[in-house]
């Protein structure tokens, strides 16, 4: 039932993103950043153990296709961290509480800055503020920060 609700939301959210992208194209100087936990690792490079997670929520084929559609050429939206780091593994922003996932950096990149077209070239830096040690964490996620000029 939770996956069904997630899938329903993704359909509704995709419609919203398309509407907003169209609206932004008609309003010069208006841009948009949508950031937070999208709970989907888009590409294999976005999680440490991609081979063992193809049947896991957050890495299901239809979820990944949904993300590909969101970021398609002409969609009006860009995953700015992946745009800035096209060939990098990670950077991960979430680690399971189980096992030694954090200690082994066996994470997922599921927290995004998704930006409208006019902000793509304005991003000058990005980072994931990963805690230095497990006992220093205050969440199972780490903040993703992007600086725009």
N, C-alpha and C. Protein backbone atom coordinates (compact mmCIF):
# COMPACT_ATOMS: atom_id res chain seq x y z
N UNK A 1 0.81 -1.23 0.00
CA UNK A 1 0.00 0.00 0.00
C UNK A 1 0.85 1.29 0.00
N UNK A 2 1.99 1.28 0.70
CA UNK A 2 2.83 2.48 0.73
C UNK A 2 3.42 2.76 -0.65
N UNK A 3 3.84 1.71 -1.37
CA UNK A 3 4.37 1.90 -2.71
C UNK A 3 3.29 2.41 -3.65
N UNK A 4 2.07 1.89 -3.51
CA UNK A 4 0.96 2.37 -4.34
C UNK A 4 0.72 3.86 -4.10
N UNK A 5 0.78 4.29 -2.85
CA UNK A 5 0.58 5.71 -2.53
C UNK A 5 1.73 6.54 -3.08
N UNK A 6 2.95 6.02 -2.97
CA UNK A 6 4.10 6.73 -3.53
C UNK A 6 3.93 6.89 -5.04
N UNK A 7 3.52 5.83 -5.72
CA UNK A 7 3.33 5.89 -7.17
C UNK A 7 2.23 6.87 -7.55
N UNK A 8 1.16 6.92 -6.76
CA UNK A 8 0.08 7.89 -7.02
C UNK A 8 0.63 9.31 -6.90
N UNK A 9 1.41 9.55 -5.83
CA UNK A 9 1.99 10.87 -5.63
C UNK A 9 2.92 11.24 -6.78
N UNK A 10 3.75 10.29 -7.23
CA UNK A 10 4.69 10.59 -8.31
C UNK A 10 3.96 11.06 -9.56
N UNK A 11 2.83 10.43 -9.87
CA UNK A 11 2.04 10.86 -11.03
C UNK A 11 1.53 12.28 -10.87
N UNK A 12 1.01 12.59 -9.70
CA UNK A 12 0.50 13.93 -9.41
C UNK A 12 1.63 14.95 -9.41
N UNK A 13 2.75 14.59 -8.81
CA UNK A 13 3.89 15.50 -8.73
C UNK A 13 4.47 15.76 -10.12
N UNK A 14 4.51 14.75 -10.96
CA UNK A 14 5.03 14.94 -12.33
C UNK A 14 4.17 15.95 -13.07
N UNK A 15 2.86 15.88 -12.90
CA UNK A 15 1.96 16.85 -13.52
C UNK A 15 2.26 18.26 -13.01
N UNK A 16 2.48 18.37 -11.71
CA UNK A 16 2.81 19.67 -11.10
C UNK A 16 4.12 20.21 -11.68
N UNK A 17 5.13 19.36 -11.79
CA UNK A 17 6.41 19.80 -12.33
C UNK A 17 6.27 20.28 -13.77
N UNK A 18 5.49 19.58 -14.57
CA UNK A 18 5.28 20.00 -15.96
C UNK A 18 4.58 21.35 -16.01
N UNK A 19 3.57 21.53 -15.16
CA UNK A 19 2.84 22.80 -15.12
C UNK A 19 3.76 23.93 -14.69
N UNK A 20 4.55 23.71 -13.66
CA UNK A 20 5.46 24.75 -13.17
C UNK A 20 6.52 25.09 -14.22
N UNK A 21 7.05 24.09 -14.89
CA UNK A 21 8.07 24.35 -15.92
C UNK A 21 7.48 25.22 -17.03
N UNK A 22 6.28 24.92 -17.44
CA UNK A 22 5.62 25.73 -18.45
C UNK A 22 5.38 27.15 -17.98
N UNK A 23 4.97 27.29 -16.74
CA UNK A 23 4.73 28.61 -16.16
C UNK A 23 6.02 29.42 -16.08
N UNK A 24 7.11 28.78 -15.65
CA UNK A 24 8.39 29.48 -15.51
C UNK A 24 8.93 29.96 -16.86
N UNK A 25 8.66 29.22 -17.91
CA UNK A 25 9.14 29.61 -19.24
C UNK A 25 8.51 30.92 -19.71
N UNK A 26 7.35 31.24 -19.17
CA UNK A 26 6.66 32.46 -19.59
C UNK A 26 6.93 33.64 -18.66
N UNK A 27 7.70 33.40 -17.60
CA UNK A 27 7.95 34.47 -16.62
C UNK A 27 9.44 34.69 -16.49
N UNK A 28 9.95 35.59 -17.28
CA UNK A 28 11.38 35.88 -17.26
C UNK A 28 11.83 36.31 -15.86
N UNK A 29 12.96 35.76 -15.44
CA UNK A 29 13.52 36.10 -14.14
C UNK A 29 13.00 35.26 -12.99
N UNK A 30 12.01 34.43 -13.24
CA UNK A 30 11.48 33.56 -12.19
C UNK A 30 12.09 32.17 -12.35
N UNK A 31 12.62 31.66 -11.27
CA UNK A 31 13.22 30.33 -11.26
C UNK A 31 12.73 29.58 -10.04
N UNK A 32 13.06 28.29 -9.98
CA UNK A 32 12.57 27.48 -8.88
C UNK A 32 13.58 26.41 -8.51
N UNK A 33 13.72 26.17 -7.21
CA UNK A 33 14.52 25.07 -6.68
C UNK A 33 13.59 24.21 -5.86
N UNK A 34 13.61 22.93 -6.12
CA UNK A 34 12.87 21.97 -5.31
C UNK A 34 13.91 21.06 -4.69
N UNK A 35 14.02 21.10 -3.38
CA UNK A 35 15.06 20.29 -2.76
C UNK A 35 14.50 19.49 -1.59
N UNK A 36 15.16 18.37 -1.34
CA UNK A 36 14.76 17.52 -0.23
C UNK A 36 14.93 16.06 -0.57
N UNK A 37 14.33 15.23 0.25
CA UNK A 37 14.41 13.78 0.13
C UNK A 37 13.36 13.31 -0.87
N UNK A 38 13.82 12.93 -2.06
CA UNK A 38 12.91 12.41 -3.08
C UNK A 38 12.71 10.91 -2.93
N UNK A 39 13.54 10.28 -2.12
CA UNK A 39 13.44 8.85 -1.79
C UNK A 39 13.53 7.94 -3.01
N UNK A 40 14.30 8.39 -4.02
CA UNK A 40 14.57 7.58 -5.22
C UNK A 40 16.02 7.82 -5.61
N UNK A 41 16.77 6.74 -5.77
CA UNK A 41 18.11 6.82 -6.34
C UNK A 41 17.94 6.64 -7.85
N UNK A 42 18.25 7.66 -8.60
CA UNK A 42 17.96 7.68 -10.03
C UNK A 42 18.84 6.73 -10.84
N UNK A 43 20.12 6.74 -10.60
CA UNK A 43 21.06 5.96 -11.41
C UNK A 43 21.86 4.98 -10.55
N UNK A 44 22.48 4.03 -11.19
CA UNK A 44 23.31 3.08 -10.46
C UNK A 44 24.40 3.79 -9.65
N UNK A 45 24.91 4.89 -10.17
CA UNK A 45 25.94 5.66 -9.47
C UNK A 45 25.40 6.32 -8.20
N UNK A 46 24.10 6.26 -8.00
CA UNK A 46 23.47 6.93 -6.86
C UNK A 46 23.29 6.03 -5.65
N UNK A 47 23.77 4.80 -5.70
CA UNK A 47 23.78 3.97 -4.51
C UNK A 47 24.90 2.95 -4.59
N UNK A 48 25.42 2.62 -3.43
CA UNK A 48 26.59 1.75 -3.34
C UNK A 48 26.29 0.35 -3.87
N UNK A 49 25.17 -0.23 -3.46
CA UNK A 49 24.84 -1.60 -3.81
C UNK A 49 23.68 -1.63 -4.79
N UNK A 50 23.91 -1.16 -6.00
CA UNK A 50 22.80 -1.11 -6.96
C UNK A 50 22.37 -2.51 -7.40
N UNK A 51 23.29 -3.45 -7.49
CA UNK A 51 22.93 -4.79 -7.96
C UNK A 51 21.94 -5.48 -7.03
N UNK A 52 22.06 -5.25 -5.73
CA UNK A 52 21.17 -5.90 -4.78
C UNK A 52 19.90 -5.14 -4.47
N UNK A 53 19.64 -4.04 -5.18
CA UNK A 53 18.49 -3.20 -4.84
C UNK A 53 17.52 -2.96 -5.99
N UNK A 54 17.62 -3.69 -7.08
CA UNK A 54 16.72 -3.46 -8.21
C UNK A 54 15.25 -3.77 -7.89
N UNK A 55 15.01 -4.49 -6.81
CA UNK A 55 13.62 -4.78 -6.40
C UNK A 55 13.24 -4.04 -5.13
N UNK A 56 14.06 -3.06 -4.74
CA UNK A 56 13.80 -2.28 -3.53
C UNK A 56 13.13 -0.95 -3.87
N UNK A 57 12.14 -0.59 -3.05
CA UNK A 57 11.53 0.72 -3.21
C UNK A 57 12.62 1.78 -3.09
N UNK A 58 12.56 2.73 -3.97
CA UNK A 58 13.60 3.75 -4.05
C UNK A 58 14.57 3.50 -5.18
N UNK A 59 14.53 2.28 -5.75
CA UNK A 59 15.39 1.96 -6.89
C UNK A 59 14.65 1.04 -7.88
N UNK A 60 13.33 1.04 -7.81
CA UNK A 60 12.53 0.23 -8.72
C UNK A 60 12.64 0.79 -10.14
N UNK A 61 12.60 -0.07 -11.13
CA UNK A 61 12.73 0.42 -12.51
C UNK A 61 11.74 1.53 -12.87
N UNK A 62 10.49 1.42 -12.46
CA UNK A 62 9.53 2.46 -12.83
C UNK A 62 9.80 3.77 -12.10
N UNK A 63 10.37 3.71 -10.89
CA UNK A 63 10.73 4.94 -10.19
C UNK A 63 11.89 5.63 -10.89
N UNK A 64 12.86 4.85 -11.33
CA UNK A 64 14.01 5.40 -12.04
C UNK A 64 13.60 5.98 -13.38
N UNK A 65 12.66 5.33 -14.07
CA UNK A 65 12.13 5.86 -15.33
C UNK A 65 11.41 7.18 -15.09
N UNK A 66 10.69 7.27 -13.98
CA UNK A 66 10.00 8.51 -13.63
C UNK A 66 11.01 9.64 -13.48
N UNK A 67 12.13 9.36 -12.79
CA UNK A 67 13.17 10.37 -12.62
C UNK A 67 13.78 10.75 -13.97
N UNK A 68 14.03 9.77 -14.81
CA UNK A 68 14.57 10.05 -16.15
C UNK A 68 13.63 10.98 -16.90
N UNK A 69 12.33 10.76 -16.78
CA UNK A 69 11.35 11.63 -17.43
C UNK A 69 11.39 13.04 -16.85
N UNK A 70 11.51 13.15 -15.53
CA UNK A 70 11.58 14.46 -14.90
C UNK A 70 12.77 15.25 -15.43
N UNK A 71 13.91 14.57 -15.64
CA UNK A 71 15.13 15.25 -16.05
C UNK A 71 15.39 15.19 -17.56
N UNK A 72 14.42 14.78 -18.34
CA UNK A 72 14.60 14.67 -19.79
C UNK A 72 14.90 16.04 -20.40
N UNK A 73 15.65 16.02 -21.52
CA UNK A 73 15.92 17.26 -22.24
C UNK A 73 14.60 17.97 -22.56
N UNK A 74 14.56 19.24 -22.29
CA UNK A 74 13.37 20.03 -22.57
C UNK A 74 12.32 19.99 -21.47
N UNK A 75 12.56 19.22 -20.40
CA UNK A 75 11.56 19.12 -19.32
C UNK A 75 11.50 20.38 -18.48
N UNK A 76 12.61 21.14 -18.48
CA UNK A 76 12.68 22.33 -17.66
C UNK A 76 13.32 22.10 -16.30
N UNK A 77 13.74 20.85 -16.01
CA UNK A 77 14.28 20.49 -14.69
C UNK A 77 15.61 19.77 -14.81
N UNK A 78 16.51 20.07 -13.87
CA UNK A 78 17.84 19.46 -13.84
C UNK A 78 18.19 19.06 -12.42
N UNK A 79 18.73 17.86 -12.28
CA UNK A 79 19.34 17.40 -11.03
C UNK A 79 20.72 18.06 -11.00
N UNK A 80 20.84 19.16 -10.27
CA UNK A 80 22.03 19.99 -10.37
C UNK A 80 23.29 19.31 -9.85
N UNK A 81 23.19 18.49 -8.82
CA UNK A 81 24.39 17.81 -8.32
C UNK A 81 24.90 16.82 -9.36
N UNK A 82 24.01 16.05 -9.97
CA UNK A 82 24.45 15.11 -11.01
C UNK A 82 24.96 15.87 -12.23
N UNK A 83 24.34 16.99 -12.55
CA UNK A 83 24.81 17.81 -13.67
C UNK A 83 26.25 18.27 -13.43
N UNK A 84 26.53 18.68 -12.20
CA UNK A 84 27.87 19.16 -11.86
C UNK A 84 28.87 18.01 -11.69
N UNK A 85 28.38 16.81 -11.42
CA UNK A 85 29.25 15.65 -11.16
C UNK A 85 28.78 14.46 -12.01
N UNK A 86 28.82 14.58 -13.32
CA UNK A 86 28.20 13.56 -14.17
C UNK A 86 28.81 12.15 -14.06
N UNK A 87 30.06 12.05 -13.75
CA UNK A 87 30.71 10.75 -13.73
C UNK A 87 31.06 10.26 -12.33
N UNK A 88 30.65 10.98 -11.32
CA UNK A 88 31.01 10.62 -9.94
C UNK A 88 30.03 9.61 -9.35
N UNK A 89 30.56 8.68 -8.58
CA UNK A 89 29.72 7.79 -7.78
C UNK A 89 29.26 8.62 -6.58
N UNK A 90 27.96 8.56 -6.26
CA UNK A 90 27.43 9.39 -5.18
C UNK A 90 27.35 10.83 -5.63
N UNK A 91 27.55 11.76 -4.77
CA UNK A 91 27.81 11.67 -3.33
C UNK A 91 26.53 11.25 -2.59
N UNK A 92 26.66 10.29 -1.69
CA UNK A 92 25.53 9.77 -0.96
C UNK A 92 25.05 10.76 0.09
N UNK A 93 23.74 10.72 0.33
CA UNK A 93 23.15 11.63 1.31
C UNK A 93 22.31 10.89 2.35
N UNK A 94 22.18 9.56 2.22
CA UNK A 94 21.42 8.76 3.17
C UNK A 94 22.11 7.42 3.36
N UNK A 95 22.10 6.94 4.62
CA UNK A 95 22.69 5.65 4.96
C UNK A 95 21.72 4.92 5.87
N UNK A 96 21.50 3.65 5.59
CA UNK A 96 20.64 2.82 6.42
C UNK A 96 21.16 2.81 7.86
N UNK A 97 20.26 2.67 8.79
CA UNK A 97 20.63 2.54 10.20
C UNK A 97 21.16 1.14 10.49
N UNK A 98 20.92 0.20 9.56
CA UNK A 98 21.33 -1.19 9.77
C UNK A 98 22.80 -1.40 9.42
N UNK A 99 23.39 -2.32 10.14
CA UNK A 99 24.76 -2.71 9.84
C UNK A 99 25.73 -1.55 9.97
N UNK A 100 26.72 -1.56 9.13
CA UNK A 100 27.77 -0.53 9.14
C UNK A 100 27.69 0.31 7.86
N UNK A 101 26.47 0.57 7.40
CA UNK A 101 26.30 1.31 6.14
C UNK A 101 27.01 2.65 6.16
N UNK A 102 26.86 3.40 7.24
CA UNK A 102 27.50 4.71 7.32
C UNK A 102 29.02 4.56 7.35
N UNK A 103 29.51 3.67 8.21
CA UNK A 103 30.96 3.49 8.35
C UNK A 103 31.60 3.04 7.03
N UNK A 104 30.86 2.26 6.23
CA UNK A 104 31.38 1.76 4.95
C UNK A 104 30.99 2.65 3.77
N UNK A 105 30.35 3.78 4.04
CA UNK A 105 29.83 4.69 3.02
C UNK A 105 28.98 3.93 1.99
N UNK A 106 28.18 2.99 2.48
CA UNK A 106 27.26 2.23 1.63
C UNK A 106 25.92 2.97 1.62
N UNK A 107 25.90 4.11 0.97
CA UNK A 107 24.74 4.98 1.01
C UNK A 107 23.96 5.04 -0.28
N UNK A 108 22.99 5.93 -0.26
CA UNK A 108 22.13 6.23 -1.40
C UNK A 108 22.13 7.75 -1.59
N UNK A 109 22.07 8.18 -2.83
CA UNK A 109 21.89 9.61 -3.14
C UNK A 109 20.42 9.80 -3.47
N UNK A 110 19.64 10.21 -2.46
CA UNK A 110 18.20 10.35 -2.63
C UNK A 110 17.70 11.76 -2.27
N UNK A 111 18.62 12.62 -1.89
CA UNK A 111 18.28 14.01 -1.56
C UNK A 111 18.77 14.90 -2.70
N UNK A 112 17.89 15.71 -3.24
CA UNK A 112 18.17 16.42 -4.48
C UNK A 112 17.96 17.92 -4.36
N UNK A 113 18.67 18.65 -5.22
CA UNK A 113 18.35 20.02 -5.60
C UNK A 113 17.95 19.89 -7.07
N UNK A 114 16.69 20.08 -7.34
CA UNK A 114 16.17 20.04 -8.70
C UNK A 114 15.87 21.49 -9.07
N UNK A 115 16.46 21.95 -10.17
CA UNK A 115 16.37 23.37 -10.51
C UNK A 115 15.78 23.59 -11.89
N UNK A 116 15.13 24.73 -12.02
CA UNK A 116 14.62 25.14 -13.33
C UNK A 116 15.79 25.58 -14.20
N UNK A 117 15.56 25.63 -15.49
CA UNK A 117 16.62 25.85 -16.47
C UNK A 117 17.51 27.06 -16.19
N UNK A 118 16.93 28.15 -15.73
CA UNK A 118 17.69 29.38 -15.54
C UNK A 118 18.70 29.33 -14.41
N UNK A 119 18.63 28.30 -13.58
CA UNK A 119 19.58 28.20 -12.46
C UNK A 119 20.74 27.26 -12.74
N UNK A 120 20.67 26.50 -13.80
CA UNK A 120 21.70 25.49 -14.06
C UNK A 120 23.09 26.10 -14.08
N UNK A 121 23.27 27.18 -14.83
CA UNK A 121 24.60 27.78 -14.95
C UNK A 121 24.95 28.69 -13.77
N UNK A 122 24.03 28.87 -12.86
CA UNK A 122 24.29 29.72 -11.69
C UNK A 122 24.80 28.94 -10.48
N UNK A 123 24.79 27.61 -10.56
CA UNK A 123 25.31 26.79 -9.45
C UNK A 123 26.83 26.80 -9.51
N UNK A 124 27.45 27.22 -8.43
CA UNK A 124 28.92 27.35 -8.42
C UNK A 124 29.60 26.35 -7.49
N UNK A 125 28.85 25.75 -6.57
CA UNK A 125 29.43 24.73 -5.71
C UNK A 125 28.32 23.87 -5.13
N UNK A 126 28.69 22.66 -4.73
CA UNK A 126 27.75 21.77 -4.06
C UNK A 126 28.53 20.87 -3.12
N UNK A 127 27.85 20.42 -2.07
CA UNK A 127 28.49 19.50 -1.12
C UNK A 127 27.42 18.76 -0.33
N UNK A 128 27.82 17.61 0.18
CA UNK A 128 27.02 16.86 1.13
C UNK A 128 27.74 16.97 2.46
N UNK A 129 27.05 17.48 3.45
CA UNK A 129 27.65 17.67 4.78
C UNK A 129 27.53 16.39 5.59
N UNK A 130 28.35 15.40 5.22
CA UNK A 130 28.35 14.10 5.89
C UNK A 130 29.09 14.23 7.22
N UNK A 131 28.49 13.69 8.27
CA UNK A 131 29.13 13.72 9.59
C UNK A 131 30.46 12.99 9.53
N UNK A 132 31.37 13.39 10.38
CA UNK A 132 32.71 12.78 10.38
C UNK A 132 32.73 11.39 10.99
N UNK A 133 31.70 11.05 11.78
CA UNK A 133 31.63 9.73 12.40
C UNK A 133 30.17 9.39 12.68
N UNK A 134 29.88 8.11 12.80
CA UNK A 134 28.51 7.65 13.02
C UNK A 134 27.88 8.33 14.24
N UNK A 135 28.62 8.41 15.34
CA UNK A 135 28.05 8.98 16.56
C UNK A 135 27.91 10.50 16.51
N UNK A 136 28.38 11.12 15.43
CA UNK A 136 28.22 12.57 15.25
C UNK A 136 27.00 12.91 14.38
N UNK A 137 26.34 11.90 13.84
CA UNK A 137 25.16 12.12 12.99
C UNK A 137 23.98 12.60 13.81
N UNK A 138 23.17 13.44 13.22
CA UNK A 138 21.93 13.85 13.87
C UNK A 138 20.73 13.41 13.05
N UNK A 139 21.00 12.69 11.96
CA UNK A 139 19.95 12.13 11.10
C UNK A 139 20.57 11.02 10.27
N UNK A 140 19.71 10.19 9.66
CA UNK A 140 20.23 9.20 8.73
C UNK A 140 20.45 9.82 7.34
N UNK A 141 20.11 11.10 7.19
CA UNK A 141 20.39 11.87 5.99
C UNK A 141 21.47 12.90 6.30
N UNK A 142 22.16 13.34 5.27
CA UNK A 142 23.11 14.45 5.40
C UNK A 142 22.61 15.59 4.51
N UNK A 143 22.74 16.83 4.96
CA UNK A 143 22.28 17.95 4.14
C UNK A 143 23.07 18.07 2.83
N UNK A 144 22.35 18.40 1.79
CA UNK A 144 22.94 18.68 0.48
C UNK A 144 22.83 20.19 0.30
N UNK A 145 23.96 20.84 0.08
CA UNK A 145 23.99 22.29 -0.05
C UNK A 145 24.53 22.65 -1.42
N UNK A 146 23.85 23.56 -2.10
CA UNK A 146 24.28 24.07 -3.39
C UNK A 146 24.30 25.59 -3.29
N UNK A 147 25.37 26.21 -3.77
CA UNK A 147 25.47 27.66 -3.79
C UNK A 147 25.21 28.13 -5.22
N UNK A 148 24.31 29.10 -5.34
CA UNK A 148 23.96 29.69 -6.64
C UNK A 148 24.37 31.15 -6.62
N UNK A 149 24.93 31.65 -7.73
CA UNK A 149 25.26 33.07 -7.84
C UNK A 149 24.51 33.68 -9.01
